[in-house]
PDB file of all heavy atoms in Angstrom:
ATOM      1  N   THR A   1       0.789  -1.219   0.051  1.00  0.00           N
ATOM      2  CA  THR A   1      -0.044  -0.028   0.024  1.00  0.00           C
ATOM      3  C   THR A   1       0.812   1.275  -0.016  1.00  0.00           C
ATOM      4  O   THR A   1       0.343   2.341  -0.081  1.00  0.00           O
ATOM      5  CB  THR A   1      -0.878   0.029   1.248  1.00  0.00           C
ATOM      6  OG1 THR A   1      -0.140  -0.092   2.412  1.00  0.00           O
ATOM      7  CG2 THR A   1      -1.882  -1.102   1.201  1.00  0.00           C
ATOM      8  N   TRP A   2       2.205   1.118   0.123  1.00  0.00           N
ATOM      9  CA  TRP A   2       2.993   2.255   0.210  1.00  0.00           C
ATOM     10  C   TRP A   2       3.542   2.613  -1.243  1.00  0.00           C
ATOM     11  O   TRP A   2       3.866   1.819  -2.111  1.00  0.00           O
ATOM     12  CB  TRP A   2       4.264   1.995   0.983  1.00  0.00           C
ATOM     13  CG  TRP A   2       4.006   2.035   2.490  1.00  0.00           C
ATOM     14  CD1 TRP A   2       2.842   1.566   3.148  1.00  0.00           C
ATOM     15  CD2 TRP A   2       4.856   2.604   3.489  1.00  0.00           C
ATOM     16  NE1 TRP A   2       2.976   1.733   4.482  1.00  0.00           N
ATOM     17  CE2 TRP A   2       4.083   2.354   4.823  1.00  0.00           C
ATOM     18  CE3 TRP A   2       6.092   3.201   3.567  1.00  0.00           C
ATOM     19  CZ2 TRP A   2       4.719   2.703   6.103  1.00  0.00           C
ATOM     20  CZ3 TRP A   2       6.644   3.528   4.751  1.00  0.00           C
ATOM     21  CH2 TRP A   2       5.952   3.492   5.986  1.00  0.00           C
ATOM     22  N   THR A   3       3.513   3.921  -1.491  1.00  0.00           N
ATOM     23  CA  THR A   3       3.950   4.412  -2.741  1.00  0.00           C
ATOM     24  C   THR A   3       5.564   4.646  -2.641  1.00  0.00           C
ATOM     25  O   THR A   3       6.111   5.129  -1.683  1.00  0.00           O
ATOM     26  CB  THR A   3       3.463   5.820  -3.018  1.00  0.00           C
ATOM     27  OG1 THR A   3       1.943   5.745  -3.049  1.00  0.00           O
ATOM     28  CG2 THR A   3       3.905   6.323  -4.456  1.00  0.00           C
ATOM     29  N   PRO A   4       6.270   3.989  -3.727  1.00  0.00           N
ATOM     30  CA  PRO A   4       7.750   4.114  -3.766  1.00  0.00           C
ATOM     31  C   PRO A   4       8.228   5.563  -3.592  1.00  0.00           C
ATOM     32  O   PRO A   4       7.579   6.407  -4.220  1.00  0.00           O
ATOM     33  CB  PRO A   4       8.183   3.451  -5.068  1.00  0.00           C
ATOM     34  CG  PRO A   4       6.916   2.615  -5.368  1.00  0.00           C
ATOM     35  CD  PRO A   4       5.713   3.269  -4.823  1.00  0.00           C
ATOM     36  N   GLU A   5       9.273   5.685  -2.857  1.00  0.00           N
ATOM     37  CA  GLU A   5       9.955   7.060  -2.738  1.00  0.00           C
ATOM     38  C   GLU A   5      10.793   7.388  -3.944  1.00  0.00           C
ATOM     39  O   GLU A   5      11.126   8.553  -4.138  1.00  0.00           O
ATOM     40  CB  GLU A   5      10.692   7.288  -1.370  1.00  0.00           C
ATOM     41  CG  GLU A   5       9.793   7.154  -0.172  1.00  0.00           C
ATOM     42  CD  GLU A   5      10.616   7.418   1.148  1.00  0.00           C
ATOM     43  OE1 GLU A   5      11.660   6.795   1.306  1.00  0.00           O
ATOM     44  OE2 GLU A   5      10.110   8.101   1.989  1.00  0.00           O
ATOM     45  N   VAL A   6      11.290   6.335  -4.521  1.00  0.00           N
ATOM     46  CA  VAL A   6      12.152   6.518  -5.709  1.00  0.00           C
ATOM     47  C   VAL A   6      11.708   5.600  -6.800  1.00  0.00           C
ATOM     48  O   VAL A   6      11.031   4.520  -6.491  1.00  0.00           O
ATOM     49  CB  VAL A   6      13.620   6.265  -5.415  1.00  0.00           C
ATOM     50  CG1 VAL A   6      14.300   7.180  -4.541  1.00  0.00           C
ATOM     51  CG2 VAL A   6      13.854   4.870  -4.794  1.00  0.00           C
ATOM     52  N   GLU A   7      12.004   5.906  -8.098  1.00  0.00           N
ATOM     53  CA  GLU A   7      11.719   4.963  -9.184  1.00  0.00           C
ATOM     54  C   GLU A   7      12.960   4.351  -9.689  1.00  0.00           C
ATOM     55  O   GLU A   7      13.983   5.051  -9.867  1.00  0.00           O
ATOM     56  CB  GLU A   7      11.042   5.850 -10.371  1.00  0.00           C
ATOM     57  CG  GLU A   7       9.675   6.371  -9.993  1.00  0.00           C
ATOM     58  CD  GLU A   7       9.013   7.071 -11.237  1.00  0.00           C
ATOM     59  OE1 GLU A   7       9.622   7.058 -12.335  1.00  0.00           O
ATOM     60  OE2 GLU A   7       7.985   7.690 -11.032  1.00  0.00           O
ATOM     61  N   VAL A   8      12.974   3.035  -9.789  1.00  0.00           N
ATOM     62  CA  VAL A   8      14.151   2.253 -10.185  1.00  0.00           C
ATOM     63  C   VAL A   8      13.742   1.427 -11.441  1.00  0.00           C
ATOM     64  O   VAL A   8      12.774   0.692 -11.496  1.00  0.00           O
ATOM     65  CB  VAL A   8      14.547   1.335  -9.025  1.00  0.00           C
ATOM     66  CG1 VAL A   8      15.807   0.527  -9.483  1.00  0.00           C
ATOM     67  CG2 VAL A   8      14.925   2.115  -7.774  1.00  0.00           C
ATOM     68  N   SER A   9      14.604   1.648 -12.443  1.00  0.00           N
ATOM     69  CA  SER A   9      14.409   0.827 -13.648  1.00  0.00           C
ATOM     70  C   SER A   9      14.842  -0.580 -13.431  1.00  0.00           C
ATOM     71  O   SER A   9      15.956  -0.834 -13.002  1.00  0.00           O
ATOM     72  CB  SER A   9      15.133   1.488 -14.837  1.00  0.00           C
ATOM     73  OG  SER A   9      14.755   2.787 -15.069  1.00  0.00           O
ATOM     74  N   GLU A  10      13.904  -1.485 -13.700  1.00  0.00           N
ATOM     75  CA  GLU A  10      14.130  -2.874 -13.495  1.00  0.00           C
ATOM     76  C   GLU A  10      15.007  -3.448 -14.666  1.00  0.00           C
ATOM     77  O   GLU A  10      14.837  -2.961 -15.783  1.00  0.00           O
ATOM     78  CB  GLU A  10      12.912  -3.781 -13.421  1.00  0.00           C
ATOM     79  CG  GLU A  10      12.149  -3.398 -12.107  1.00  0.00           C
ATOM     80  CD  GLU A  10      12.985  -3.705 -10.869  1.00  0.00           C
ATOM     81  OE1 GLU A  10      13.651  -4.733 -10.751  1.00  0.00           O
ATOM     82  OE2 GLU A  10      12.973  -2.883  -9.979  1.00  0.00           O
ATOM     83  N   PRO A  11      15.962  -4.456 -14.469  1.00  0.00           N
ATOM     84  CA  PRO A  11      16.816  -4.877 -15.489  1.00  0.00           C
ATOM     85  C   PRO A  11      16.008  -5.631 -16.635  1.00  0.00           C
ATOM     86  O   PRO A  11      14.866  -6.140 -16.306  1.00  0.00           O
ATOM     87  CB  PRO A  11      17.673  -5.906 -14.788  1.00  0.00           C
ATOM     88  CG  PRO A  11      16.883  -6.208 -13.519  1.00  0.00           C
ATOM     89  CD  PRO A  11      16.209  -5.000 -13.131  1.00  0.00           C
ATOM     90  N   SER A  12      16.501  -5.592 -17.840  1.00  0.00           N
ATOM     91  CA  SER A  12      15.862  -6.245 -19.004  1.00  0.00           C
ATOM     92  C   SER A  12      16.254  -7.655 -19.238  1.00  0.00           C
ATOM     93  O   SER A  12      15.641  -8.298 -20.065  1.00  0.00           O
ATOM     94  CB  SER A  12      15.969  -5.293 -20.179  1.00  0.00           C
ATOM     95  OG  SER A  12      17.347  -5.078 -20.483  1.00  0.00           O
ATOM     96  N   ASN A  13      17.376  -8.079 -18.641  1.00  0.00           N
ATOM     97  CA  ASN A  13      17.855  -9.367 -18.879  1.00  0.00           C
ATOM     98  C   ASN A  13      18.590  -9.859 -17.665  1.00  0.00           C
ATOM     99  O   ASN A  13      18.851  -9.175 -16.717  1.00  0.00           O
ATOM    100  CB  ASN A  13      18.716  -9.422 -20.126  1.00  0.00           C
ATOM    101  CG  ASN A  13      19.905  -8.494 -20.043  1.00  0.00           C
ATOM    102  OD1 ASN A  13      20.856  -8.585 -19.207  1.00  0.00           O
ATOM    103  ND2 ASN A  13      19.886  -7.449 -20.859  1.00  0.00           N
ATOM    104  N   TRP A  14      19.023 -11.197 -17.724  1.00  0.00           N
ATOM    105  CA  TRP A  14      19.581 -11.757 -16.590  1.00  0.00           C
ATOM    106  C   TRP A  14      20.959 -11.211 -16.227  1.00  0.00           C
ATOM    107  O   TRP A  14      21.306 -11.143 -15.055  1.00  0.00           O
ATOM    108  CB  TRP A  14      19.671 -13.289 -16.771  1.00  0.00           C
ATOM    109  CG  TRP A  14      20.785 -13.688 -17.814  1.00  0.00           C
ATOM    110  CD1 TRP A  14      20.490 -13.815 -19.225  1.00  0.00           C
ATOM    111  CD2 TRP A  14      22.150 -13.890 -17.718  1.00  0.00           C
ATOM    112  NE1 TRP A  14      21.557 -14.159 -19.803  1.00  0.00           N
ATOM    113  CE2 TRP A  14      22.665 -14.241 -19.049  1.00  0.00           C
ATOM    114  CE3 TRP A  14      23.023 -13.811 -16.635  1.00  0.00           C
ATOM    115  CZ2 TRP A  14      24.020 -14.342 -19.233  1.00  0.00           C
ATOM    116  CZ3 TRP A  14      24.344 -14.067 -16.827  1.00  0.00           C
ATOM    117  CH2 TRP A  14      24.830 -14.349 -18.128  1.00  0.00           C
ATOM    118  N   PHE A  15      21.673 -10.760 -17.271  1.00  0.00           N
ATOM    119  CA  PHE A  15      23.040 -10.188 -17.053  1.00  0.00           C
ATOM    120  C   PHE A  15      22.985  -8.862 -16.239  1.00  0.00           C
ATOM    121  O   PHE A  15      23.581  -8.697 -15.252  1.00  0.00           O
ATOM    122  CB  PHE A  15      23.776  -9.999 -18.266  1.00  0.00           C
ATOM    123  CG  PHE A  15      25.212  -9.494 -18.102  1.00  0.00           C
ATOM    124  CD1 PHE A  15      26.224 -10.245 -17.710  1.00  0.00           C
ATOM    125  CD2 PHE A  15      25.592  -8.213 -18.473  1.00  0.00           C
ATOM    126  CE1 PHE A  15      27.478  -9.807 -17.502  1.00  0.00           C
ATOM    127  CE2 PHE A  15      26.724  -7.672 -18.270  1.00  0.00           C
ATOM    128  CZ  PHE A  15      27.771  -8.531 -17.845  1.00  0.00           C
ATOM    129  N   THR A  16      22.078  -8.056 -16.733  1.00  0.00           N
ATOM    130  CA  THR A  16      22.022  -6.653 -15.993  1.00  0.00           C
ATOM    131  C   THR A  16      21.340  -6.909 -14.627  1.00  0.00           C
ATOM    132  O   THR A  16      21.616  -6.185 -13.666  1.00  0.00           O
ATOM    133  CB  THR A  16      21.172  -5.720 -16.875  1.00  0.00           C
ATOM    134  OG1 THR A  16      19.877  -6.295 -17.313  1.00  0.00           O
ATOM    135  CG2 THR A  16      21.969  -5.279 -18.107  1.00  0.00           C
ATOM    136  N   GLY A  17      20.518  -7.862 -14.612  1.00  0.00           N
ATOM    137  CA  GLY A  17      19.847  -8.208 -13.309  1.00  0.00           C
ATOM    138  C   GLY A  17      20.857  -8.663 -12.303  1.00  0.00           C
ATOM    139  O   GLY A  17      20.885  -8.387 -11.125  1.00  0.00           O
ATOM    140  N   GLY A  18      21.857  -9.502 -12.776  1.00  0.00           N
ATOM    141  CA  GLY A  18      22.985  -9.933 -11.894  1.00  0.00           C
ATOM    142  C   GLY A  18      23.816  -8.819 -11.460  1.00  0.00           C
ATOM    143  O   GLY A  18      24.235  -8.723 -10.293  1.00  0.00           O
ATOM    144  N   LEU A  19      24.079  -7.876 -12.395  1.00  0.00           N
ATOM    145  CA  LEU A  19      24.938  -6.768 -11.980  1.00  0.00           C
ATOM    146  C   LEU A  19      24.148  -5.899 -10.895  1.00  0.00           C
ATOM    147  O   LEU A  19      24.785  -5.266 -10.067  1.00  0.00           O
ATOM    148  CB  LEU A  19      25.272  -5.936 -13.245  1.00  0.00           C
ATOM    149  CG  LEU A  19      26.302  -6.521 -14.237  1.00  0.00           C
ATOM    150  CD1 LEU A  19      26.486  -5.680 -15.417  1.00  0.00           C
ATOM    151  CD2 LEU A  19      27.543  -6.937 -13.497  1.00  0.00           C
ATOM    152  N   LEU A  20      22.857  -5.696 -11.102  1.00  0.00           N
ATOM    153  CA  LEU A  20      22.089  -4.896 -10.185  1.00  0.00           C
ATOM    154  C   LEU A  20      22.108  -5.610  -8.780  1.00  0.00           C
ATOM    155  O   LEU A  20      22.213  -4.860  -7.791  1.00  0.00           O
ATOM    156  CB  LEU A  20      20.715  -4.710 -10.768  1.00  0.00           C
ATOM    157  CG  LEU A  20      19.761  -3.862  -9.861  1.00  0.00           C
ATOM    158  CD1 LEU A  20      20.266  -2.498  -9.757  1.00  0.00           C
ATOM    159  CD2 LEU A  20      18.329  -3.780 -10.487  1.00  0.00           C
ATOM    160  N   TRP A  21      21.903  -6.868  -8.776  1.00  0.00           N
ATOM    161  CA  TRP A  21      21.877  -7.559  -7.545  1.00  0.00           C
ATOM    162  C   TRP A  21      23.293  -7.451  -6.821  1.00  0.00           C
ATOM    163  O   TRP A  21      23.207  -7.136  -5.608  1.00  0.00           O
ATOM    164  CB  TRP A  21      21.676  -9.068  -7.858  1.00  0.00           C
ATOM    165  CG  TRP A  21      21.619  -9.887  -6.591  1.00  0.00           C
ATOM    166  CD1 TRP A  21      20.537 -10.184  -5.808  1.00  0.00           C
ATOM    167  CD2 TRP A  21      22.764 -10.587  -5.941  1.00  0.00           C
ATOM    168  NE1 TRP A  21      20.998 -11.021  -4.699  1.00  0.00           N
ATOM    169  CE2 TRP A  21      22.304 -11.228  -4.735  1.00  0.00           C
ATOM    170  CE3 TRP A  21      24.123 -10.643  -6.283  1.00  0.00           C
ATOM    171  CZ2 TRP A  21      23.153 -11.925  -3.941  1.00  0.00           C
ATOM    172  CZ3 TRP A  21      24.943 -11.426  -5.520  1.00  0.00           C
ATOM    173  CH2 TRP A  21      24.508 -12.091  -4.261  1.00  0.00           C
ATOM    174  N   LEU A  22      24.318  -7.528  -7.574  1.00  0.00           N
ATOM    175  CA  LEU A  22      25.621  -7.327  -6.985  1.00  0.00           C
ATOM    176  C   LEU A  22      25.817  -5.900  -6.469  1.00  0.00           C
ATOM    177  O   LEU A  22      26.372  -5.688  -5.311  1.00  0.00           O
ATOM    178  CB  LEU A  22      26.709  -7.734  -8.017  1.00  0.00           C
ATOM    179  CG  LEU A  22      28.121  -7.723  -7.567  1.00  0.00           C
ATOM    180  CD1 LEU A  22      28.387  -8.617  -6.463  1.00  0.00           C
ATOM    181  CD2 LEU A  22      29.100  -7.945  -8.654  1.00  0.00           C
ATOM    182  N   GLY A  23      25.390  -4.947  -7.242  1.00  0.00           N
ATOM    183  CA  GLY A  23      25.525  -3.517  -6.883  1.00  0.00           C
ATOM    184  C   GLY A  23      24.656  -3.318  -5.667  1.00  0.00           C
ATOM    185  O   GLY A  23      25.208  -2.558  -4.712  1.00  0.00           O
ATOM    186  N   ARG A  24      23.528  -3.863  -5.499  1.00  0.00           N
ATOM    187  CA  ARG A  24      22.759  -3.624  -4.213  1.00  0.00           C
ATOM    188  C   ARG A  24      23.408  -4.355  -3.096  1.00  0.00           C
ATOM    189  O   ARG A  24      23.250  -3.912  -1.946  1.00  0.00           O
ATOM    190  CB  ARG A  24      21.345  -4.177  -4.483  1.00  0.00           C
ATOM    191  CG  ARG A  24      20.423  -3.261  -5.417  1.00  0.00           C
ATOM    192  CD  ARG A  24      19.129  -3.931  -5.760  1.00  0.00           C
ATOM    193  NE  ARG A  24      18.311  -2.977  -6.495  1.00  0.00           N
ATOM    194  CZ  ARG A  24      17.155  -3.289  -7.087  1.00  0.00           C
ATOM    195  NH1 ARG A  24      16.749  -4.551  -7.014  1.00  0.00           N
ATOM    196  NH2 ARG A  24      16.575  -2.364  -7.813  1.00  0.00           N
ATOM    197  N   ALA A  25      24.079  -5.477  -3.286  1.00  0.00           N
ATOM    198  CA  ALA A  25      24.694  -6.250  -2.258  1.00  0.00           C
ATOM    199  C   ALA A  25      25.837  -5.460  -1.581  1.00  0.00           C
ATOM    200  O   ALA A  25      25.979  -5.514  -0.303  1.00  0.00           O
ATOM    201  CB  ALA A  25      25.109  -7.601  -2.679  1.00  0.00           C
ATOM    202  N   VAL A  26      26.525  -4.674  -2.413  1.00  0.00           N
ATOM    203  CA  VAL A  26      27.644  -3.902  -1.865  1.00  0.00           C
ATOM    204  C   VAL A  26      27.300  -2.486  -1.641  1.00  0.00           C
ATOM    205  O   VAL A  26      28.086  -1.614  -1.309  1.00  0.00           O
ATOM    206  CB  VAL A  26      28.846  -3.991  -2.771  1.00  0.00           C
ATOM    207  CG1 VAL A  26      29.321  -5.453  -2.881  1.00  0.00           C
ATOM    208  CG2 VAL A  26      28.552  -3.452  -4.240  1.00  0.00           C
ATOM    209  N   GLY A  27      26.060  -2.049  -1.931  1.00  0.00           N
ATOM    210  CA  GLY A  27      25.587  -0.682  -1.624  1.00  0.00           C
ATOM    211  C   GLY A  27      25.921   0.355  -2.680  1.00  0.00           C
ATOM    212  O   GLY A  27      25.962   1.612  -2.225  1.00  0.00           O
ATOM    213  N   VAL A  28      26.213   0.002  -3.879  1.00  0.00           N
ATOM    214  CA  VAL A  28      26.553   1.023  -4.848  1.00  0.00           C
ATOM    215  C   VAL A  28      25.460   1.280  -5.774  1.00  0.00           C
ATOM    216  O   VAL A  28      25.616   2.090  -6.735  1.00  0.00           O
ATOM    217  CB  VAL A  28      27.850   0.659  -5.624  1.00  0.00           C
ATOM    218  CG1 VAL A  28      28.990   0.600  -4.691  1.00  0.00           C
ATOM    219  CG2 VAL A  28      27.743  -0.738  -6.356  1.00  0.00           C
ATOM    220  N   ALA A  29      24.410   0.508  -5.792  1.00  0.00           N
ATOM    221  CA  ALA A  29      23.205   0.617  -6.685  1.00  0.00           C
ATOM    222  C   ALA A  29      21.931   0.956  -5.925  1.00  0.00           C
ATOM    223  O   ALA A  29      21.848   0.631  -4.633  1.00  0.00           O
ATOM    224  CB  ALA A  29      22.916  -0.697  -7.476  1.00  0.00           C
ATOM    225  N   PRO A  30      21.016   1.721  -6.568  1.00  0.00           N
ATOM    226  CA  PRO A  30      19.917   2.083  -5.780  1.00  0.00           C
ATOM    227  C   PRO A  30      19.180   0.789  -5.330  1.00  0.00           C
ATOM    228  O   PRO A  30      19.127  -0.237  -6.009  1.00  0.00           O
ATOM    229  CB  PRO A  30      19.059   2.852  -6.879  1.00  0.00           C
ATOM    230  CG  PRO A  30      20.015   3.408  -7.808  1.00  0.00           C
ATOM    231  CD  PRO A  30      21.103   2.323  -7.810  1.00  0.00           C
ATOM    232  N   PRO A  31      18.534   0.880  -4.105  1.00  0.00           N
ATOM    233  CA  PRO A  31      17.736  -0.207  -3.632  1.00  0.00           C
ATOM    234  C   PRO A  31      16.480  -0.529  -4.558  1.00  0.00           C
ATOM    235  O   PRO A  31      16.139   0.331  -5.357  1.00  0.00           O
ATOM    236  CB  PRO A  31      17.353   0.170  -2.204  1.00  0.00           C
ATOM    237  CG  PRO A  31      17.291   1.668  -2.221  1.00  0.00           C
ATOM    238  CD  PRO A  31      18.423   1.992  -3.257  1.00  0.00           C
ATOM    239  N   SER A  32      15.769  -1.594  -4.171  1.00  0.00           N
ATOM    240  CA  SER A  32      14.586  -1.775  -4.806  1.00  0.00           C
ATOM    241  C   SER A  32      13.510  -0.803  -4.463  1.00  0.00           C
ATOM    242  O   SER A  32      13.633  -0.054  -3.362  1.00  0.00           O
ATOM    243  CB  SER A  32      14.051  -3.201  -4.336  1.00  0.00           C
ATOM    244  OG  SER A  32      12.623  -3.376  -4.777  1.00  0.00           O
ATOM    245  N   GLU A  33      12.487  -0.535  -5.290  1.00  0.00           N
ATOM    246  CA  GLU A  33      11.495   0.496  -5.030  1.00  0.00           C
ATOM    247  C   GLU A  33      10.716   0.288  -3.714  1.00  0.00           C
ATOM    248  O   GLU A  33      10.132   1.203  -3.108  1.00  0.00           O
ATOM    249  CB  GLU A  33      10.530   0.606  -6.139  1.00  0.00           C
ATOM    250  CG  GLU A  33      11.085   1.236  -7.458  1.00  0.00           C
ATOM    251  CD  GLU A  33      10.044   1.303  -8.551  1.00  0.00           C
ATOM    252  OE1 GLU A  33       8.898   0.741  -8.349  1.00  0.00           O
ATOM    253  OE2 GLU A  33      10.297   2.073  -9.581  1.00  0.00           O
ATOM    254  N   ASP A  34      10.639  -1.019  -3.295  1.00  0.00           N
ATOM    255  CA  ASP A  34       9.862  -1.311  -2.036  1.00  0.00           C
ATOM    256  C   ASP A  34      10.766  -1.429  -0.823  1.00  0.00           C
ATOM    257  O   ASP A  34      10.351  -1.938   0.159  1.00  0.00           O
ATOM    258  CB  ASP A  34       9.007  -2.429  -2.256  1.00  0.00           C
ATOM    259  CG  ASP A  34       9.914  -3.733  -2.608  1.00  0.00           C
ATOM    260  OD1 ASP A  34      11.073  -3.577  -2.712  1.00  0.00           O
ATOM    261  OD2 ASP A  34       9.177  -4.786  -2.673  1.00  0.00           O
ATOM    262  N   ASP A  35      11.983  -0.895  -0.931  1.00  0.00           N
ATOM    263  CA  ASP A  35      12.910  -0.945   0.219  1.00  0.00           C
ATOM    264  C   ASP A  35      12.957   0.497   0.786  1.00  0.00           C
ATOM    265  O   ASP A  35      13.092   1.512   0.012  1.00  0.00           O
ATOM    266  CB  ASP A  35      14.333  -1.303  -0.183  1.00  0.00           C
ATOM    267  CG  ASP A  35      14.479  -2.786  -0.446  1.00  0.00           C
ATOM    268  OD1 ASP A  35      13.627  -3.509  -0.019  1.00  0.00           O
ATOM    269  OD2 ASP A  35      15.422  -3.140  -1.029  1.00  0.00           O
ATOM    270  N   TYR A  36      12.725   0.681   2.159  1.00  0.00           N
ATOM    271  CA  TYR A  36      12.612   1.993   2.760  1.00  0.00           C
ATOM    272  C   TYR A  36      13.723   1.938   4.034  1.00  0.00           C
ATOM    273  O   TYR A  36      13.977   0.859   4.549  1.00  0.00           O
ATOM    274  CB  TYR A  36      11.278   2.268   3.253  1.00  0.00           C
ATOM    275  CG  TYR A  36      10.243   2.312   2.178  1.00  0.00           C
ATOM    276  CD1 TYR A  36       9.661   1.139   1.571  1.00  0.00           C
ATOM    277  CD2 TYR A  36       9.859   3.563   1.696  1.00  0.00           C
ATOM    278  CE1 TYR A  36       8.659   1.127   0.687  1.00  0.00           C
ATOM    279  CE2 TYR A  36       8.829   3.534   0.720  1.00  0.00           C
ATOM    280  CZ  TYR A  36       8.314   2.303   0.204  1.00  0.00           C
ATOM    281  OH  TYR A  36       7.360   2.442  -0.748  1.00  0.00           O
ATOM    282  N   VAL A  37      14.007   3.130   4.404  1.00  0.00           N
ATOM    283  CA  VAL A  37      14.773   3.302   5.703  1.00  0.00           C
ATOM    284  C   VAL A  37      14.063   4.370   6.503  1.00  0.00           C
ATOM    285  O   VAL A  37      13.833   5.478   5.965  1.00  0.00           O
ATOM    286  CB  VAL A  37      16.196   3.620   5.326  1.00  0.00           C
ATOM    287  CG1 VAL A  37      16.343   4.885   4.454  1.00  0.00           C
ATOM    288  CG2 VAL A  37      17.002   3.860   6.719  1.00  0.00           C
ATOM    289  N   LYS A  38      13.706   4.074   7.724  1.00  0.00           N
ATOM    290  CA  LYS A  38      13.016   4.948   8.621  1.00  0.00           C
ATOM    291  C   LYS A  38      13.476   4.688  10.033  1.00  0.00           C
ATOM    292  O   LYS A  38      14.202   3.675  10.306  1.00  0.00           O
ATOM    293  CB  LYS A  38      11.429   4.823   8.483  1.00  0.00           C
ATOM    294  CG  LYS A  38      10.890   4.916   7.155  1.00  0.00           C
ATOM    295  CD  LYS A  38      10.961   6.308   6.564  1.00  0.00           C
ATOM    296  CE  LYS A  38      10.337   6.353   5.160  1.00  0.00           C
ATOM    297  NZ  LYS A  38      10.555   7.655   4.533  1.00  0.00           N
ATOM    298  N   ARG A  39      12.878   5.429  11.000  1.00  0.00           N
ATOM    299  CA  ARG A  39      13.214   5.150  12.382  1.00  0.00           C
ATOM    300  C   ARG A  39      11.970   4.708  13.165  1.00  0.00           C
ATOM    301  O   ARG A  39      10.818   5.130  12.902  1.00  0.00           O
ATOM    302  CB  ARG A  39      13.560   6.483  13.091  1.00  0.00           C
ATOM    303  CG  ARG A  39      14.204   6.284  14.446  1.00  0.00           C
ATOM    304  CD  ARG A  39      14.557   7.648  15.034  1.00  0.00           C
ATOM    305  NE  ARG A  39      15.708   8.276  14.362  1.00  0.00           N
ATOM    306  CZ  ARG A  39      16.954   8.206  14.603  1.00  0.00           C
ATOM    307  NH1 ARG A  39      17.405   7.256  15.499  1.00  0.00           N
ATOM    308  NH2 ARG A  39      17.881   8.840  13.860  1.00  0.00           N
ATOM    309  N   VAL A  40      12.119   3.661  14.028  1.00  0.00           N
ATOM    310  CA  VAL A  40      11.061   3.129  14.657  1.00  0.00           C
ATOM    311  C   VAL A  40      10.666   4.116  15.810  1.00  0.00           C
ATOM    312  O   VAL A  40      11.442   4.589  16.535  1.00  0.00           O
ATOM    313  CB  VAL A  40      11.457   1.763  15.411  1.00  0.00           C
ATOM    314  CG1 VAL A  40      10.376   1.131  16.286  1.00  0.00           C
ATOM    315  CG2 VAL A  40      11.922   0.740  14.288  1.00  0.00           C
ATOM    316  N   ILE A  41       9.371   4.301  15.833  1.00  0.00           N
ATOM    317  CA  ILE A  41       8.778   5.271  16.795  1.00  0.00           C
ATOM    318  C   ILE A  41       7.935   4.640  17.847  1.00  0.00           C
ATOM    319  O   ILE A  41       8.036   4.898  19.098  1.00  0.00           O
ATOM    320  CB  ILE A  41       7.926   6.330  16.010  1.00  0.00           C
ATOM    321  CG1 ILE A  41       8.773   7.131  14.986  1.00  0.00           C
ATOM    322  CG2 ILE A  41       7.258   7.328  17.067  1.00  0.00           C
ATOM    323  CD1 ILE A  41       9.903   7.883  15.664  1.00  0.00           C
ATOM    324  N   ALA A  42       7.215   3.538  17.498  1.00  0.00           N
ATOM    325  CA  ALA A  42       6.354   2.919  18.325  1.00  0.00           C
ATOM    326  C   ALA A  42       6.269   1.426  17.959  1.00  0.00           C
ATOM    327  O   ALA A  42       6.355   1.106  16.724  1.00  0.00           O
ATOM    328  CB  ALA A  42       4.908   3.453  18.509  1.00  0.00           C
TER     329      ALA A  42
END
């Protein structure tokens, strides 16, 4: 039900998908659209 805060182009093939996965694993690529970072309040 949450609207993504950023728009991320999804990979068109397995090779670019693998590179995106690796980039996300080491923190150099944008996260998935449904990944968020917030602070717990309650």
